[in-house]
Amino acid sequence: MAVACILIEHFACLMERERAPHLAGRKLVIVSTASGKPTVFDASAEVTGVAAGAPVAEALSRHPLALQLQADPTHYQQGFDRLLDALDRVSPVVEPATLGAAFVDLTGLLGLYGSRAGLFGTLQEACRPYNPRIGVAPNKFAAAVAAQGAAPGTVAVTPPDLAAFLAPCSLMVLPVPDAVRARMWRLGLRTLDDVARQGIGPLQAHFGRTGRMAWELAHGIDQRLLTPRRQQEVYSAALTFPAPTMTMEAMLLGVERLLLRLFNLRELRGRYARIALIGGSVSRHPAWQRKLAFKEPPGSAAQAMPAFKRLLNLHPPPGPLEDLSLSLTGITGDAGRQLNLFDDVRRSEQLREAVQQLETRLGHLPLYQYRDAEPWSRIPERRRVLVEFSP
């Protein structure tokens, strides 16, 4: 297996400068208040010594002339999704990591692009506006380390001896919790070579499975497979108001027009949507967006409008709305739910529908259940196992 790690540092700042070119060269601190306190969402490369999550006051004490911008996560995610779409055209397996970072499976692509130079050039072209660091290695961890050490706009390929390549790297590159890293530091472990020279037994005794994973990664062993992102059908429509509006009647009329336009598409006839994303530009405020998960998937504008009325009444835009965009995802072909005469079957159908709704809203299914494995065993742990829930 060959893996490329695409690393674009300060991605949020790059997106802000792409939207407002006059910010080029300015020191930027992007502020998030999602946790209730102003923290640094991202900072430009010129703002040194400031990490994401740090208090804004600390950042401004170091760089008092830095320009503060309100974080717009929706805009950043949309830009990242466009980048992932471009990478999807290079390889069929692309795994997003964090904002601005992704893994690309290169296995079997060399013959398609003719040479390593052709393959690497295509990767760089897909990310062309962002000047990424790219690391190529046999596994995800080594590729990520190589990308961190690459110069912007270049591709770094690891040597065959991964253990020797990783040995001088700092302990900070290990993907382990901060508490585990701090304990390793107190034990005198500073580099991956220090970790590799330890016996796997003591590390596993101190840190459990995390210790075993750290030992394997320090030796260049990473058996994690790439998990490609889930492709979803997305249908979008947008409109611009003649003048910025705050009236509920105008916004609802705009929503109705967009819903009619979408549900009249040939691709959506006879189909239903589970999720809607509504948003728009707001005068003198960050872009406004809300996510709506329908309790009963609508198949027409009339069926969807009551949910949008409740949403706009509860969470109106913070200022005059200049335009409006609406996207429908979680498309299903189910035309409805037919109730069964038998109560147990009906409950099973309702449970299945609730589980599908939960998975659509969260993006994954955090439900598990106990199943009998070896009920006759004298060892309690073998009698039952915890598995993912499947209705």
Protein backbone atom coordinates (compact mmCIF):
# COMPACT_ATOMS: atom_id res chain seq x y z
CA MET A 1 0.00 0.00 0.00
CA ALA A 2 1.18 3.55 -0.79
CA VAL A 3 -0.40 6.52 0.98
CA ALA A 4 -0.08 10.26 0.43
CA CYS A 5 -0.80 12.73 3.20
CA ILE A 6 -1.98 16.15 2.01
CA LEU A 7 -1.29 18.82 4.63
CA ILE A 8 -2.45 22.43 4.20
CA GLU A 9 -1.55 24.48 7.24
CA HIS A 10 -3.67 27.47 8.34
CA PHE A 11 -6.45 26.34 6.02
CA ALA A 12 -9.08 28.62 7.58
CA CYS A 13 -6.84 31.66 7.13
CA LEU A 14 -6.23 30.70 3.49
CA MET A 15 -9.99 30.50 2.95
CA GLU A 16 -10.47 33.96 4.50
CA ARG A 17 -7.77 35.43 2.25
CA GLU A 18 -9.31 33.72 -0.76
CA ARG A 19 -12.62 35.40 0.07
CA ALA A 20 -10.99 38.78 0.85
CA PRO A 21 -7.67 39.17 -1.05
CA HIS A 22 -6.85 42.44 0.75
CA LEU A 23 -6.08 40.34 3.86
CA ALA A 24 -2.92 38.96 2.21
CA GLY A 25 0.11 39.63 4.39
CA ARG A 26 -1.97 40.66 7.42
CA LYS A 27 -1.64 38.88 10.74
CA LEU A 28 -4.93 37.04 11.28
CA VAL A 29 -6.48 35.50 14.37
CA ILE A 30 -9.73 33.65 13.67
CA VAL A 31 -11.90 33.58 16.78
CA SER A 32 -14.40 30.90 17.79
CA THR A 33 -16.95 31.25 20.59
CA ALA A 34 -18.41 27.76 20.25
CA SER A 35 -17.12 26.76 23.71
CA GLY A 36 -18.57 29.88 25.34
CA LYS A 37 -15.18 31.59 25.65
CA PRO A 38 -13.27 33.28 22.80
CA THR A 39 -10.58 30.86 21.63
CA VAL A 40 -8.30 30.71 18.62
CA PHE A 41 -9.87 28.68 15.80
CA ASP A 42 -6.87 29.30 13.54
CA ALA A 43 -4.07 31.83 13.13
CA SER A 44 -1.99 32.81 10.13
CA ALA A 45 1.63 31.74 9.80
CA GLU A 46 2.78 35.22 10.84
CA VAL A 47 1.14 34.77 14.26
CA THR A 48 3.88 32.66 15.82
CA GLY A 49 3.65 30.87 19.14
CA VAL A 50 -0.15 30.61 19.09
CA ALA A 51 -1.91 27.25 18.73
CA ALA A 52 -5.53 26.47 17.95
CA GLY A 53 -7.62 26.39 21.11
CA ALA A 54 -5.53 28.99 22.92
CA PRO A 55 -7.36 31.93 24.58
CA VAL A 56 -7.70 34.91 22.29
CA ALA A 57 -6.31 37.18 25.02
CA GLU A 58 -3.08 35.18 24.98
CA ALA A 59 -2.81 35.48 21.20
CA LEU A 60 -3.38 39.25 21.27
CA SER A 61 -0.86 39.71 24.08
CA ARG A 62 1.77 38.22 21.77
CA HIS A 63 0.51 39.90 18.60
CA PRO A 64 -1.51 43.02 19.54
CA LEU A 65 -1.77 44.23 15.92
CA ALA A 66 -3.31 40.99 14.62
CA LEU A 67 -6.69 41.34 12.92
CA GLN A 68 -9.49 39.38 14.57
CA LEU A 69 -12.05 37.59 12.39
CA GLN A 70 -15.12 35.66 13.47
CA ALA A 71 -14.83 31.99 12.55
CA ASP A 72 -17.03 30.77 9.70
CA PRO A 73 -16.77 26.95 9.94
CA THR A 74 -19.39 26.42 7.24
CA HIS A 75 -17.36 28.35 4.69
CA TYR A 76 -14.18 26.50 5.63
CA GLN A 77 -15.87 23.09 5.37
CA GLN A 78 -17.31 23.93 1.98
CA GLY A 79 -13.82 24.85 0.75
CA PHE A 80 -12.40 21.64 2.21
CA ASP A 81 -15.15 19.60 0.55
CA ARG A 82 -14.21 21.12 -2.81
CA LEU A 83 -10.60 20.09 -2.20
CA LEU A 84 -11.70 16.54 -1.32
CA ASP A 85 -13.79 16.42 -4.49
CA ALA A 86 -10.68 17.34 -6.50
CA LEU A 87 -8.68 14.61 -4.75
CA ASP A 88 -11.49 12.13 -5.48
CA ARG A 89 -10.78 12.66 -9.16
CA VAL A 90 -7.17 11.55 -8.57
CA SER A 91 -7.82 8.47 -6.42
CA PRO A 92 -10.97 6.49 -5.56
CA VAL A 93 -10.03 6.37 -1.85
CA VAL A 94 -9.68 9.69 -0.01
CA GLU A 95 -9.94 9.94 3.77
CA PRO A 96 -10.40 13.37 5.38
CA ALA A 97 -8.42 13.78 8.60
CA THR A 98 -8.75 17.28 10.01
CA LEU A 99 -9.60 20.57 8.32
CA GLY A 100 -6.92 20.98 5.65
CA ALA A 101 -5.49 17.46 5.97
CA ALA A 102 -6.38 14.27 4.09
CA PHE A 103 -4.98 10.87 3.16
CA VAL A 104 -5.03 9.58 -0.43
CA ASP A 105 -4.55 5.93 -1.39
CA LEU A 106 -2.01 5.72 -4.23
CA THR A 107 -1.99 1.93 -4.52
CA GLY A 108 -2.10 0.86 -8.18
CA LEU A 109 -2.18 4.41 -9.57
CA LEU A 110 1.39 4.54 -10.88
CA GLY A 111 0.50 2.80 -14.14
CA LEU A 112 -2.48 5.09 -14.64
CA TYR A 113 -0.40 8.28 -14.45
CA GLY A 114 2.69 6.90 -16.16
CA SER A 115 5.32 7.81 -13.58
CA ARG A 116 5.82 9.04 -10.04
CA ALA A 117 6.34 12.55 -11.37
CA GLY A 118 3.03 12.38 -13.23
CA LEU A 119 1.18 11.07 -10.19
CA PHE A 120 2.70 13.61 -7.80
CA GLY A 121 2.11 16.41 -10.27
CA THR A 122 -1.57 15.48 -10.52
CA LEU A 123 -1.86 15.53 -6.72
CA GLN A 124 -0.27 18.97 -6.55
CA GLU A 125 -2.51 20.25 -9.34
CA ALA A 126 -5.61 19.10 -7.43
CA CYS A 127 -4.48 21.24 -4.47
CA ARG A 128 -2.86 23.96 -6.59
CA PRO A 129 -4.19 27.12 -4.91
CA TYR A 130 -3.12 26.01 -1.43
CA ASN A 131 0.57 25.05 -1.86
CA PRO A 132 0.29 21.88 0.28
CA ARG A 133 2.94 19.79 1.96
CA ILE A 134 2.70 16.21 0.66
CA GLY A 135 4.22 13.12 2.25
CA VAL A 136 4.25 9.69 0.59
CA ALA A 137 4.89 6.49 2.56
CA PRO A 138 3.72 2.87 2.88
CA ASN A 139 1.29 3.76 5.69
CA LYS A 140 -0.71 6.66 7.14
CA PHE A 141 1.51 7.52 10.10
CA ALA A 142 4.76 7.66 8.13
CA ALA A 143 3.03 9.69 5.39
CA ALA A 144 1.79 12.22 7.98
CA VAL A 145 5.28 12.58 9.47
CA ALA A 146 6.79 13.01 5.99
CA ALA A 147 4.23 15.70 5.15
CA GLN A 148 5.04 17.64 8.32
CA GLY A 149 8.69 17.67 7.33
CA ALA A 150 8.13 18.59 3.67
CA ALA A 151 8.52 22.13 2.41
CA PRO A 152 5.34 23.87 1.19
CA GLY A 153 4.58 22.91 -2.39
CA THR A 154 6.86 19.86 -2.38
CA VAL A 155 6.49 16.07 -2.09
CA ALA A 156 8.56 14.11 0.45
CA VAL A 157 8.93 10.36 -0.03
CA THR A 158 10.05 8.21 2.91
CA PRO A 159 13.11 5.94 2.57
CA PRO A 160 12.69 2.14 2.73
CA ASP A 161 13.90 1.98 6.36
CA LEU A 162 10.92 3.58 8.10
CA ALA A 163 12.24 2.95 11.63
CA ALA A 164 15.45 4.88 10.88
CA PHE A 165 13.43 7.68 9.24
CA LEU A 166 11.11 8.00 12.26
CA ALA A 167 13.77 7.59 15.00
CA PRO A 168 14.79 11.29 15.38
CA CYS A 169 11.18 12.56 15.30
CA SER A 170 9.76 14.20 18.39
CA LEU A 171 7.30 12.41 20.62
CA MET A 172 4.80 15.11 19.62
CA VAL A 173 4.10 13.40 16.26
CA LEU A 174 2.48 10.38 17.94
CA PRO A 175 -1.34 10.39 17.57
CA VAL A 176 -1.96 9.68 21.27
CA PRO A 177 -3.88 11.65 23.92
CA ASP A 178 -2.04 14.56 25.56
CA ALA A 179 -2.19 12.85 28.96
CA VAL A 180 -0.40 9.77 27.58
CA ARG A 181 2.21 11.93 25.87
CA ALA A 182 2.83 13.82 29.13
CA ARG A 183 3.33 10.55 31.04
CA MET A 184 5.78 9.33 28.39
CA TRP A 185 7.67 12.61 28.70
CA ARG A 186 7.93 12.21 32.47
CA LEU A 187 9.38 8.73 31.89
CA GLY A 188 12.19 10.27 29.84
CA LEU A 189 10.87 9.45 26.37
CA ARG A 190 11.63 12.34 24.04
CA THR A 191 11.82 10.87 20.54
CA LEU A 192 10.38 7.93 18.64
CA ASP A 193 13.76 6.24 18.96
CA ASP A 194 13.33 6.37 22.75
CA VAL A 195 9.93 4.70 22.36
CA ALA A 196 11.23 2.10 19.90
CA ARG A 197 14.06 1.07 22.24
CA GLN A 198 11.59 0.20 24.99
CA GLY A 199 10.17 -3.28 25.26
CA ILE A 200 6.62 -3.64 24.06
CA GLY A 201 5.70 -5.30 27.37
CA PRO A 202 6.54 -2.36 29.67
CA LEU A 203 4.87 0.13 27.30
CA GLN A 204 1.74 -1.96 27.14
CA ALA A 205 1.77 -2.41 30.91
CA HIS A 206 1.96 1.37 31.44
CA PHE A 207 -0.34 2.59 28.66
CA GLY A 208 -2.41 -0.40 27.54
CA ARG A 209 -3.31 -0.63 23.87
CA THR A 210 -2.11 2.95 23.36
CA GLY A 211 1.37 1.90 24.46
CA ARG A 212 1.39 -1.00 22.00
CA MET A 213 0.25 1.30 19.20
CA ALA A 214 2.99 3.83 20.05
CA TRP A 215 5.63 1.08 19.97
CA GLU A 216 4.41 -0.17 16.60
CA LEU A 217 4.27 3.32 15.09
CA ALA A 218 7.79 4.06 16.32
CA HIS A 219 8.92 0.96 14.38
CA GLY A 220 7.10 2.12 11.24
CA ILE A 221 4.25 -0.37 11.66
CA ASP A 222 0.80 1.09 10.99
CA GLN A 223 -1.93 -1.34 9.98
CA ARG A 224 -4.75 1.21 9.86
CA LEU A 225 -6.62 1.20 6.56
CA LEU A 226 -7.92 4.28 4.86
CA THR A 227 -11.61 4.97 5.40
CA PRO A 228 -13.03 6.76 2.36
CA ARG A 229 -15.56 9.49 3.04
CA ARG A 230 -19.17 8.70 2.41
CA GLN A 231 -20.43 10.17 -0.83
CA GLN A 232 -23.88 11.67 -0.55
CA GLU A 233 -26.29 12.99 -3.11
CA VAL A 234 -26.65 16.74 -2.59
CA TYR A 235 -29.17 18.91 -4.42
CA SER A 236 -28.80 22.67 -3.96
CA ALA A 237 -30.52 25.86 -5.04
CA ALA A 238 -29.96 29.52 -4.20
CA LEU A 239 -31.45 32.95 -4.72
CA THR A 240 -30.54 36.58 -3.99
CA PHE A 241 -33.03 38.96 -2.40
CA PRO A 242 -33.59 42.33 -4.16
CA ALA A 243 -32.62 43.98 -0.88
CA PRO A 244 -31.40 42.57 2.47
CA THR A 245 -34.44 41.41 4.43
CA MET A 246 -35.30 40.46 7.99
CA THR A 247 -39.02 39.85 7.49
CA MET A 248 -40.20 36.31 8.15
CA GLU A 249 -42.64 36.45 5.23
CA ALA A 250 -39.89 37.18 2.70
CA MET A 251 -37.60 34.46 4.06
CA LEU A 252 -40.37 31.86 4.05
CA LEU A 253 -41.32 32.82 0.51
CA GLY A 254 -37.67 32.37 -0.49
CA VAL A 255 -37.55 28.96 1.19
CA GLU A 256 -40.74 27.88 -0.57
CA ARG A 257 -39.38 28.92 -3.97
CA LEU A 258 -36.17 26.97 -3.42
CA LEU A 259 -38.03 23.88 -2.22
CA LEU A 260 -40.33 23.96 -5.24
CA ARG A 261 -37.31 24.28 -7.51
CA LEU A 262 -35.57 21.31 -5.87
CA PHE A 263 -38.50 18.93 -5.59
CA ASN A 264 -39.37 19.60 -9.25
CA LEU A 265 -35.99 18.23 -10.33
CA ARG A 266 -36.27 15.01 -12.29
CA GLU A 267 -33.76 13.34 -9.94
CA LEU A 268 -35.92 14.04 -6.87
CA ARG A 269 -39.32 13.05 -8.21
CA GLY A 270 -40.77 10.34 -6.03
CA ARG A 271 -37.87 10.61 -3.57
CA TYR A 272 -37.54 11.99 -0.05
CA ALA A 273 -34.92 14.02 1.87
CA ARG A 274 -33.82 13.44 5.44
CA ILE A 275 -31.52 16.45 5.93
CA ALA A 276 -31.68 20.07 4.81
CA LEU A 277 -29.02 22.77 5.08
CA ILE A 278 -30.22 26.36 4.89
CA GLY A 279 -28.03 29.44 5.02
CA GLY A 280 -27.12 32.77 3.54
CA SER A 281 -24.98 35.89 3.76
CA VAL A 282 -25.88 38.31 6.54
CA SER A 283 -25.02 42.01 6.49
CA ARG A 284 -22.11 42.77 8.87
CA HIS A 285 -22.24 39.27 10.35
CA PRO A 286 -20.67 35.89 9.58
CA ALA A 287 -22.61 33.70 7.19
CA TRP A 288 -25.69 32.09 8.77
CA GLN A 289 -26.44 28.39 8.37
CA ARG A 290 -28.68 25.86 10.07
CA LYS A 291 -29.08 22.11 9.71
CA LEU A 292 -32.55 20.58 9.76
CA ALA A 293 -33.15 16.86 10.30
CA PHE A 294 -36.69 15.95 9.32
CA LYS A 295 -38.61 13.66 11.62
CA GLU A 296 -40.55 12.37 8.61
CA PRO A 297 -38.66 12.74 5.30
CA PRO A 298 -40.66 15.10 3.05
CA GLY A 299 -41.23 14.44 -0.63
CA SER A 300 -42.60 17.86 -1.55
CA ALA A 301 -42.29 21.53 -0.67
CA ALA A 302 -45.64 21.48 1.14
CA GLN A 303 -44.51 18.66 3.41
CA ALA A 304 -41.20 20.40 4.21
CA MET A 305 -42.45 23.95 4.87
CA PRO A 306 -43.80 23.44 8.45
CA ALA A 307 -40.37 22.28 9.63
CA PHE A 308 -38.71 25.35 8.07
CA LYS A 309 -41.25 27.67 9.68
CA ARG A 310 -40.40 26.26 13.11
CA LEU A 311 -36.67 26.50 12.38
CA LEU A 312 -36.79 30.15 11.29
CA ASN A 313 -38.96 31.11 14.26
CA LEU A 314 -36.54 29.47 16.70
CA HIS A 315 -33.23 30.38 14.98
CA PRO A 316 -33.64 33.43 12.74
CA PRO A 317 -30.63 35.02 11.02
CA PRO A 318 -28.70 37.48 13.24
CA GLY A 319 -29.17 40.32 10.76
CA PRO A 320 -30.54 41.28 7.33
CA LEU A 321 -30.34 38.29 4.97
CA GLU A 322 -28.79 39.11 1.59
CA ASP A 323 -29.22 35.76 -0.12
CA LEU A 324 -30.51 32.29 0.62
CA SER A 325 -29.20 28.82 -0.23
CA LEU A 326 -30.83 25.46 0.48
CA SER A 327 -29.42 21.95 0.09
CA LEU A 328 -31.16 18.60 0.48
CA THR A 329 -29.16 15.50 1.44
CA GLY A 330 -29.84 12.07 2.87
CA ILE A 331 -31.94 11.27 -0.18
CA THR A 332 -34.05 8.15 0.11
CA GLY A 333 -36.36 6.37 -2.27
CA ASP A 334 -38.76 5.28 0.46
CA ALA A 335 -42.19 6.60 -0.45
CA GLY A 336 -43.56 6.12 3.03
CA ARG A 337 -43.88 3.69 5.89
CA GLN A 338 -46.60 1.08 5.72
CA LEU A 339 -47.79 0.02 9.15
CA ASN A 340 -48.10 -3.68 9.88
CA LEU A 341 -51.03 -5.28 11.62
CA PHE A 342 -48.72 -7.01 14.09
CA ASP A 343 -47.39 -4.87 16.93
CA ASP A 344 -43.95 -6.49 17.13
CA VAL A 345 -43.30 -5.98 13.42
CA ARG A 346 -44.56 -2.38 13.66
CA ARG A 347 -42.21 -1.67 16.57
CA SER A 348 -39.32 -3.18 14.62
CA GLU A 349 -40.08 -0.92 11.65
CA GLN A 350 -40.32 2.15 13.87
CA LEU A 351 -37.03 1.25 15.54
CA ARG A 352 -35.33 0.79 12.18
CA GLU A 353 -36.61 4.18 11.03
CA ALA A 354 -35.38 5.86 14.25
CA VAL A 355 -31.94 4.30 13.86
CA GLN A 356 -31.70 5.45 10.24
CA GLN A 357 -32.69 8.97 11.29
CA LEU A 358 -30.06 9.01 14.05
CA GLU A 359 -27.34 7.78 11.70
CA THR A 360 -28.25 10.42 9.12
CA ARG A 361 -28.16 13.21 11.70
CA LEU A 362 -24.86 12.21 13.38
CA GLY A 363 -23.04 10.71 10.40
CA HIS A 364 -22.37 7.48 12.32
CA LEU A 365 -24.27 5.06 14.55
CA PRO A 366 -23.18 5.24 18.24
CA LEU A 367 -25.37 2.29 19.29
CA TYR A 368 -24.19 -1.07 20.59
CA GLN A 369 -25.85 -4.16 22.02
CA TYR A 370 -24.87 -7.30 23.90
CA ARG A 371 -25.06 -10.62 22.05
CA ASP A 372 -24.62 -14.14 23.43
CA ALA A 373 -21.27 -15.63 22.40
CA GLU A 374 -20.44 -18.58 24.68
CA PRO A 375 -23.19 -18.68 27.35
CA TRP A 376 -21.78 -21.94 28.72
CA SER A 377 -18.29 -20.53 29.35
CA ARG A 378 -17.03 -20.30 32.94
CA ILE A 379 -15.25 -17.03 32.01
CA PRO A 380 -17.79 -14.18 32.30
CA GLU A 381 -16.10 -12.08 29.57
CA ARG A 382 -16.69 -14.82 27.00
CA ARG A 383 -20.37 -15.30 27.64
CA ARG A 384 -21.51 -12.11 25.91
CA VAL A 385 -19.89 -9.66 23.49
CA LEU A 386 -20.58 -6.02 22.69
CA VAL A 387 -21.30 -5.48 18.98
CA GLU A 388 -22.64 -2.66 16.85
CA PHE A 389 -26.42 -2.40 16.94
CA SER A 390 -28.25 -3.62 13.85
CA PRO A 391 -32.07 -3.50 13.99
